[in-house]
Amino acid sequence: MPLHIVIYLVLQDVVDDSDGCGGNFTVLIVSDKFEGKGILQRHRLVHQVLAEEIKQIHAFTQKTLTSTEWTEQEKSQ
């Protein structure tokens, strides 16, 4: 099932850091589904949803935030 359906995305940003080979990605995922969950729980949820895709890439870096955390981070910049 697509990530946006399972996690109810507010924002998703994917950056290919691999110089075009498609093996190294950094993602920002903002979802209220992360509310009340620690970083490890959030990352496990994303890994669970993207298990097959993650098997095919070399490196996967993720930042997971709630809408509130995202708003606060944007205000502070």
PDB file of N, CA and C in Angstrom:
ATOM      1  N   MET A   1       0.849  -1.177   0.000  1.00  0.00           N
ATOM      2  CA  MET A   1       0.000   0.000   0.000  1.00  0.00           C
ATOM      3  C   MET A   1       0.894   1.240   0.000  1.00  0.00           C
ATOM      4  N   PRO A   2       0.578   2.267  -0.763  1.00  0.00           N
ATOM      5  CA  PRO A   2       1.414   3.463  -0.839  1.00  0.00           C
ATOM      6  C   PRO A   2       1.598   4.156   0.511  1.00  0.00           C
ATOM      7  N   LEU A   3       2.781   4.739   0.681  1.00  0.00           N
ATOM      8  CA  LEU A   3       3.141   5.417   1.920  1.00  0.00           C
ATOM      9  C   LEU A   3       2.118   6.467   2.307  1.00  0.00           C
ATOM     10  N   HIS A   4       1.645   7.277   1.352  1.00  0.00           N
ATOM     11  CA  HIS A   4       0.729   8.370   1.676  1.00  0.00           C
ATOM     12  C   HIS A   4      -0.606   7.859   2.207  1.00  0.00           C
ATOM     13  N   ILE A   5      -0.994   6.648   1.879  1.00  0.00           N
ATOM     14  CA  ILE A   5      -2.251   6.097   2.385  1.00  0.00           C
ATOM     15  C   ILE A   5      -2.069   5.523   3.786  1.00  0.00           C
ATOM     16  N   VAL A   6      -0.977   4.822   4.015  1.00  0.00           N
ATOM     17  CA  VAL A   6      -0.748   4.167   5.299  1.00  0.00           C
ATOM     18  C   VAL A   6      -0.385   5.162   6.390  1.00  0.00           C
ATOM     19  N   ILE A   7       0.426   6.152   6.056  1.00  0.00           N
ATOM     20  CA  ILE A   7       0.914   7.089   7.072  1.00  0.00           C
ATOM     21  C   ILE A   7       0.150   8.412   7.056  1.00  0.00           C
ATOM     22  N   TYR A   8      -0.708   8.662   6.098  1.00  0.00           N
ATOM     23  CA  TYR A   8      -1.476   9.900   5.997  1.00  0.00           C
ATOM     24  C   TYR A   8      -0.543  11.110   6.000  1.00  0.00           C
ATOM     25  N   LEU A   9       0.198  11.244   4.940  1.00  0.00           N
ATOM     26  CA  LEU A   9       1.225  12.267   4.826  1.00  0.00           C
ATOM     27  C   LEU A   9       0.665  13.678   4.815  1.00  0.00           C
ATOM     28  N   VAL A  10       1.372  14.554   5.492  1.00  0.00           N
ATOM     29  CA  VAL A  10       1.140  15.986   5.394  1.00  0.00           C
ATOM     30  C   VAL A  10       2.164  16.547   4.411  1.00  0.00           C
ATOM     31  N   LEU A  11       3.387  16.039   4.477  1.00  0.00           N
ATOM     32  CA  LEU A  11       4.466  16.483   3.597  1.00  0.00           C
ATOM     33  C   LEU A  11       5.425  15.327   3.395  1.00  0.00           C
ATOM     34  N   GLN A  12       5.921  15.226   2.195  1.00  0.00           N
ATOM     35  CA  GLN A  12       6.932  14.220   1.878  1.00  0.00           C
ATOM     36  C   GLN A  12       7.942  14.868   0.956  1.00  0.00           C
ATOM     37  N   ASP A  13       9.211  14.755   1.286  1.00  0.00           N
ATOM     38  CA  ASP A  13      10.264  15.286   0.439  1.00  0.00           C
ATOM     39  C   ASP A  13      11.318  14.204   0.291  1.00  0.00           C
ATOM     40  N   VAL A  14      11.668  13.879  -0.934  1.00  0.00           N
ATOM     41  CA  VAL A  14      12.652  12.838  -1.207  1.00  0.00           C
ATOM     42  C   VAL A  14      13.792  13.457  -2.004  1.00  0.00           C
ATOM     43  N   VAL A  15      15.014  13.242  -1.519  1.00  0.00           N
ATOM     44  CA  VAL A  15      16.201  13.753  -2.195  1.00  0.00           C
ATOM     45  C   VAL A  15      17.082  12.568  -2.581  1.00  0.00           C
ATOM     46  N   ASP A  16      17.448  12.491  -3.858  1.00  0.00           N
ATOM     47  CA  ASP A  16      18.363  11.462  -4.334  1.00  0.00           C
ATOM     48  C   ASP A  16      19.780  11.990  -4.143  1.00  0.00           C
ATOM     49  N   ASP A  17      20.483  11.453  -3.136  1.00  0.00           N
ATOM     50  CA  ASP A  17      21.845  11.887  -2.813  1.00  0.00           C
ATOM     51  C   ASP A  17      22.903  11.032  -3.501  1.00  0.00           C
ATOM     52  N   SER A  18      22.510  10.233  -4.472  1.00  0.00           N
ATOM     53  CA  SER A  18      23.413   9.233  -5.035  1.00  0.00           C
ATOM     54  C   SER A  18      24.030   9.630  -6.374  1.00  0.00           C
ATOM     55  N   ASP A  19      23.961  10.881  -6.731  1.00  0.00           N
ATOM     56  CA  ASP A  19      24.502  11.339  -8.016  1.00  0.00           C
ATOM     57  C   ASP A  19      23.878  10.603  -9.192  1.00  0.00           C
ATOM     58  N   GLY A  20      22.579  10.278  -9.058  1.00  0.00           N
ATOM     59  CA  GLY A  20      21.852   9.708 -10.181  1.00  0.00           C
ATOM     60  C   GLY A  20      21.758   8.200 -10.245  1.00  0.00           C
ATOM     61  N   CYS A  21      22.475   7.470  -9.403  1.00  0.00           N
ATOM     62  CA  CYS A  21      22.416   6.010  -9.496  1.00  0.00           C
ATOM     63  C   CYS A  21      21.204   5.436  -8.752  1.00  0.00           C
ATOM     64  N   GLY A  22      20.530   6.246  -7.953  1.00  0.00           N
ATOM     65  CA  GLY A  22      19.322   5.804  -7.269  1.00  0.00           C
ATOM     66  C   GLY A  22      19.569   4.902  -6.080  1.00  0.00           C
ATOM     67  N   GLY A  23      20.733   4.993  -5.462  1.00  0.00           N
ATOM     68  CA  GLY A  23      21.041   4.101  -4.354  1.00  0.00           C
ATOM     69  C   GLY A  23      21.119   4.752  -2.998  1.00  0.00           C
ATOM     70  N   ASN A  24      20.929   6.065  -2.922  1.00  0.00           N
ATOM     71  CA  ASN A  24      21.088   6.769  -1.656  1.00  0.00           C
ATOM     72  C   ASN A  24      20.030   7.875  -1.573  1.00  0.00           C
ATOM     73  N   PHE A  25      19.103   7.733  -0.624  1.00  0.00           N
ATOM     74  CA  PHE A  25      18.007   8.681  -0.509  1.00  0.00           C
ATOM     75  C   PHE A  25      17.892   9.260   0.893  1.00  0.00           C
ATOM     76  N   THR A  26      17.533  10.534   0.955  1.00  0.00           N
ATOM     77  CA  THR A  26      17.197  11.204   2.198  1.00  0.00           C
ATOM     78  C   THR A  26      15.743  11.636   2.080  1.00  0.00           C
ATOM     79  N   VAL A  27      14.932  11.291   3.072  1.00  0.00           N
ATOM     80  CA  VAL A  27      13.513  11.635   3.012  1.00  0.00           C
ATOM     81  C   VAL A  27      13.081  12.390   4.261  1.00  0.00           C
ATOM     82  N   LEU A  28      12.166  13.304   4.055  1.00  0.00           N
ATOM     83  CA  LEU A  28      11.481  14.010   5.134  1.00  0.00           C
ATOM     84  C   LEU A  28      10.021  13.611   5.034  1.00  0.00           C
ATOM     85  N   ILE A  29       9.487  13.078   6.122  1.00  0.00           N
ATOM     86  CA  ILE A  29       8.087  12.668   6.144  1.00  0.00           C
ATOM     87  C   ILE A  29       7.411  13.356   7.318  1.00  0.00           C
ATOM     88  N   VAL A  30       6.363  14.110   7.030  1.00  0.00           N
ATOM     89  CA  VAL A  30       5.591  14.799   8.056  1.00  0.00           C
ATOM     90  C   VAL A  30       4.205  14.177   8.078  1.00  0.00           C
ATOM     91  N   SER A  31       3.812  13.685   9.261  1.00  0.00           N
ATOM     92  CA  SER A  31       2.515  13.034   9.401  1.00  0.00           C
ATOM     93  C   SER A  31       2.061  13.093  10.856  1.00  0.00           C
ATOM     94  N   ASP A  32       0.768  13.310  11.040  1.00  0.00           N
ATOM     95  CA  ASP A  32       0.225  13.289  12.394  1.00  0.00           C
ATOM     96  C   ASP A  32       0.119  11.867  12.931  1.00  0.00           C
ATOM     97  N   LYS A  33       0.328  10.878  12.083  1.00  0.00           N
ATOM     98  CA  LYS A  33       0.350   9.486  12.526  1.00  0.00           C
ATOM     99  C   LYS A  33       1.553   9.236  13.451  1.00  0.00           C
ATOM    100  N   PHE A  34       2.540  10.117  13.423  1.00  0.00           N
ATOM    101  CA  PHE A  34       3.714   9.999  14.282  1.00  0.00           C
ATOM    102  C   PHE A  34       3.476  10.563  15.684  1.00  0.00           C
ATOM    103  N   GLU A  35       2.365  11.229  15.890  1.00  0.00           N
ATOM    104  CA  GLU A  35       2.051  11.854  17.182  1.00  0.00           C
ATOM    105  C   GLU A  35       2.129  10.816  18.294  1.00  0.00           C
ATOM    106  N   GLY A  36       2.864  11.140  19.359  1.00  0.00           N
ATOM    107  CA  GLY A  36       2.980  10.253  20.518  1.00  0.00           C
ATOM    108  C   GLY A  36       3.966   9.110  20.335  1.00  0.00           C
ATOM    109  N   LYS A  37       4.633   9.048  19.189  1.00  0.00           N
ATOM    110  CA  LYS A  37       5.600   7.991  18.922  1.00  0.00           C
ATOM    111  C   LYS A  37       7.013   8.564  18.977  1.00  0.00           C
ATOM    112  N   GLY A  38       7.926   7.773  19.484  1.00  0.00           N
ATOM    113  CA  GLY A  38       9.327   8.157  19.505  1.00  0.00           C
ATOM    114  C   GLY A  38       9.950   7.966  18.130  1.00  0.00           C
ATOM    115  N   ILE A  39      11.187   8.407  17.994  1.00  0.00           N
ATOM    116  CA  ILE A  39      11.877   8.326  16.705  1.00  0.00           C
ATOM    117  C   ILE A  39      11.965   6.881  16.217  1.00  0.00           C
ATOM    118  N   LEU A  40      12.314   5.960  17.084  1.00  0.00           N
ATOM    119  CA  LEU A  40      12.450   4.567  16.673  1.00  0.00           C
ATOM    120  C   LEU A  40      11.123   3.994  16.180  1.00  0.00           C
ATOM    121  N   GLN A  41      10.035   4.302  16.867  1.00  0.00           N
ATOM    122  CA  GLN A  41       8.720   3.828  16.437  1.00  0.00           C
ATOM    123  C   GLN A  41       8.333   4.419  15.079  1.00  0.00           C
ATOM    124  N   ARG A  42       8.642   5.683  14.881  1.00  0.00           N
ATOM    125  CA  ARG A  42       8.344   6.353  13.609  1.00  0.00           C
ATOM    126  C   ARG A  42       9.124   5.704  12.470  1.00  0.00           C
ATOM    127  N   HIS A  43      10.407   5.491  12.703  1.00  0.00           N
ATOM    128  CA  HIS A  43      11.250   4.901  11.668  1.00  0.00           C
ATOM    129  C   HIS A  43      10.831   3.468  11.360  1.00  0.00           C
ATOM    130  N   ARG A  44      10.447   2.728  12.378  1.00  0.00           N
ATOM    131  CA  ARG A  44       9.968   1.365  12.152  1.00  0.00           C
ATOM    132  C   ARG A  44       8.699   1.365  11.302  1.00  0.00           C
ATOM    133  N   LEU A  45       7.818   2.318  11.537  1.00  0.00           N
ATOM    134  CA  LEU A  45       6.591   2.419  10.754  1.00  0.00           C
ATOM    135  C   LEU A  45       6.915   2.670   9.280  1.00  0.00           C
ATOM    136  N   VAL A  46       7.826   3.603   9.022  1.00  0.00           N
ATOM    137  CA  VAL A  46       8.215   3.906   7.647  1.00  0.00           C
ATOM    138  C   VAL A  46       8.886   2.688   7.012  1.00  0.00           C
ATOM    139  N   HIS A  47       9.794   2.056   7.738  1.00  0.00           N
ATOM    140  CA  HIS A  47      10.481   0.866   7.214  1.00  0.00           C
ATOM    141  C   HIS A  47       9.502  -0.259   6.920  1.00  0.00           C
ATOM    142  N   GLN A  48       8.507  -0.388   7.751  1.00  0.00           N
ATOM    143  CA  GLN A  48       7.498  -1.429   7.543  1.00  0.00           C
ATOM    144  C   GLN A  48       6.748  -1.188   6.228  1.00  0.00           C
ATOM    145  N   VAL A  49       6.386   0.049   5.980  1.00  0.00           N
ATOM    146  CA  VAL A  49       5.636   0.395   4.772  1.00  0.00           C
ATOM    147  C   VAL A  49       6.521   0.294   3.528  1.00  0.00           C
ATOM    148  N   LEU A  50       7.784   0.689   3.644  1.00  0.00           N
ATOM    149  CA  LEU A  50       8.684   0.732   2.491  1.00  0.00           C
ATOM    150  C   LEU A  50       9.676  -0.434   2.444  1.00  0.00           C
ATOM    151  N   ALA A  51       9.364  -1.526   3.094  1.00  0.00           N
ATOM    152  CA  ALA A  51      10.294  -2.650   3.225  1.00  0.00           C
ATOM    153  C   ALA A  51      10.870  -3.112   1.893  1.00  0.00           C
ATOM    154  N   GLU A  52      10.046  -3.312   0.904  1.00  0.00           N
ATOM    155  CA  GLU A  52      10.520  -3.802  -0.394  1.00  0.00           C
ATOM    156  C   GLU A  52      11.385  -2.764  -1.110  1.00  0.00           C
ATOM    157  N   GLU A  53      10.988  -1.500  -1.046  1.00  0.00           N
ATOM    158  CA  GLU A  53      11.749  -0.441  -1.704  1.00  0.00           C
ATOM    159  C   GLU A  53      13.119  -0.256  -1.059  1.00  0.00           C
ATOM    160  N   ILE A  54      13.160  -0.336   0.273  1.00  0.00           N
ATOM    161  CA  ILE A  54      14.415  -0.133   1.001  1.00  0.00           C
ATOM    162  C   ILE A  54      15.409  -1.251   0.698  1.00  0.00           C
ATOM    163  N   LYS A  55      14.941  -2.443   0.427  1.00  0.00           N
ATOM    164  CA  LYS A  55      15.826  -3.561   0.078  1.00  0.00           C
ATOM    165  C   LYS A  55      16.616  -3.284  -1.191  1.00  0.00           C
ATOM    166  N   GLN A  56      16.096  -2.443  -2.051  1.00  0.00           N
ATOM    167  CA  GLN A  56      16.693  -2.210  -3.356  1.00  0.00           C
ATOM    168  C   GLN A  56      17.649  -1.020  -3.400  1.00  0.00           C
ATOM    169  N   ILE A  57      17.803  -0.311  -2.286  1.00  0.00           N
ATOM    170  CA  ILE A  57      18.696   0.855  -2.289  1.00  0.00           C
ATOM    171  C   ILE A  57      19.833   0.654  -1.297  1.00  0.00           C
ATOM    172  N   HIS A  58      20.893   1.425  -1.471  1.00  0.00           N
ATOM    173  CA  HIS A  58      22.088   1.300  -0.646  1.00  0.00           C
ATOM    174  C   HIS A  58      21.937   2.010   0.699  1.00  0.00           C
ATOM    175  N   ALA A  59      21.432   3.239   0.680  1.00  0.00           N
ATOM    176  CA  ALA A  59      21.332   4.031   1.909  1.00  0.00           C
ATOM    177  C   ALA A  59      19.999   4.763   1.954  1.00  0.00           C
ATOM    178  N   PHE A  60      19.381   4.766   3.135  1.00  0.00           N
ATOM    179  CA  PHE A  60      18.079   5.400   3.328  1.00  0.00           C
ATOM    180  C   PHE A  60      18.125   6.180   4.633  1.00  0.00           C
ATOM    181  N   THR A  61      18.083   7.497   4.535  1.00  0.00           N
ATOM    182  CA  THR A  61      18.093   8.367   5.709  1.00  0.00           C
ATOM    183  C   THR A  61      16.729   9.023   5.809  1.00  0.00           C
ATOM    184  N   GLN A  62      16.144   8.991   7.004  1.00  0.00           N
ATOM    185  CA  GLN A  62      14.816   9.577   7.146  1.00  0.00           C
ATOM    186  C   GLN A  62      14.732  10.523   8.334  1.00  0.00           C
ATOM    187  N   LYS A  63      13.919  11.545   8.150  1.00  0.00           N
ATOM    188  CA  LYS A  63      13.555  12.461   9.222  1.00  0.00           C
ATOM    189  C   LYS A  63      12.043  12.430   9.279  1.00  0.00           C
ATOM    190  N   THR A  64      11.504  12.121  10.450  1.00  0.00           N
ATOM    191  CA  THR A  64      10.058  11.983  10.608  1.00  0.00           C
ATOM    192  C   THR A  64       9.574  12.982  11.652  1.00  0.00           C
ATOM    193  N   LEU A  65       8.585  13.782  11.266  1.00  0.00           N
ATOM    194  CA  LEU A  65       8.053  14.827  12.141  1.00  0.00           C
ATOM    195  C   LEU A  65       6.532  14.812  12.117  1.00  0.00           C
ATOM    196  N   THR A  66       5.933  15.315  13.199  1.00  0.00           N
ATOM    197  CA  THR A  66       4.497  15.573  13.200  1.00  0.00           C
ATOM    198  C   THR A  66       4.282  16.954  12.569  1.00  0.00           C
ATOM    199  N   SER A  67       3.041  17.285  12.272  1.00  0.00           N
ATOM    200  CA  SER A  67       2.733  18.610  11.709  1.00  0.00           C
ATOM    201  C   SER A  67       3.178  19.721  12.658  1.00  0.00           C
ATOM    202  N   THR A  68       2.952  19.524  13.932  1.00  0.00           N
ATOM    203  CA  THR A  68       3.337  20.524  14.941  1.00  0.00           C
ATOM    204  C   THR A  68       4.843  20.706  14.970  1.00  0.00           C
ATOM    205  N   GLU A  69       5.589  19.610  14.961  1.00  0.00           N
ATOM    206  CA  GLU A  69       7.053  19.693  14.964  1.00  0.00           C
ATOM    207  C   GLU A  69       7.558  20.388  13.704  1.00  0.00           C
ATOM    208  N   TRP A  70       6.951  20.088  12.567  1.00  0.00           N
ATOM    209  CA  TRP A  70       7.330  20.706  11.301  1.00  0.00           C
ATOM    210  C   TRP A  70       7.092  22.220  11.349  1.00  0.00           C
ATOM    211  N   THR A  71       5.922  22.615  11.841  1.00  0.00           N
ATOM    212  CA  THR A  71       5.587  24.038  11.942  1.00  0.00           C
ATOM    213  C   THR A  71       6.571  24.756  12.852  1.00  0.00           C
ATOM    214  N   GLU A  72       6.890  24.170  13.987  1.00  0.00           N
ATOM    215  CA  GLU A  72       7.839  24.785  14.925  1.00  0.00           C
ATOM    216  C   GLU A  72       9.219  24.892  14.306  1.00  0.00           C
ATOM    217  N   GLN A  73       9.630  23.872  13.597  1.00  0.00           N
ATOM    218  CA  GLN A  73      10.941  23.890  12.950  1.00  0.00           C
ATOM    219  C   GLN A  73      11.008  24.979  11.888  1.00  0.00           C
ATOM    220  N   GLU A  74       9.947  25.134  11.124  1.00  0.00           N
ATOM    221  CA  GLU A  74       9.910  26.157  10.086  1.00  0.00           C
ATOM    222  C   GLU A  74       9.925  27.557  10.689  1.00  0.00           C
ATOM    223  N   LYS A  75       9.248  27.747  11.821  1.00  0.00           N
ATOM    224  CA  LYS A  75       9.231  29.066  12.489  1.00  0.00           C
ATOM    225  C   LYS A  75      10.615  29.456  12.988  1.00  0.00           C
ATOM    226  N   SER A  76      11.386  28.459  13.442  1.00  0.00           N
ATOM    227  CA  SER A  76      12.678  28.743  14.040  1.00  0.00           C
ATOM    228  C   SER A  76      13.784  28.989  12.998  1.00  0.00           C
ATOM    229  N   GLN A  77      13.472  28.790  11.743  1.00  0.00           N
ATOM    230  CA  GLN A  77      14.507  28.992  10.699  1.00  0.00           C
ATOM    231  C   GLN A  77      14.426  30.358  10.109  1.00  0.00           C
TER     232      GLN A  77
END
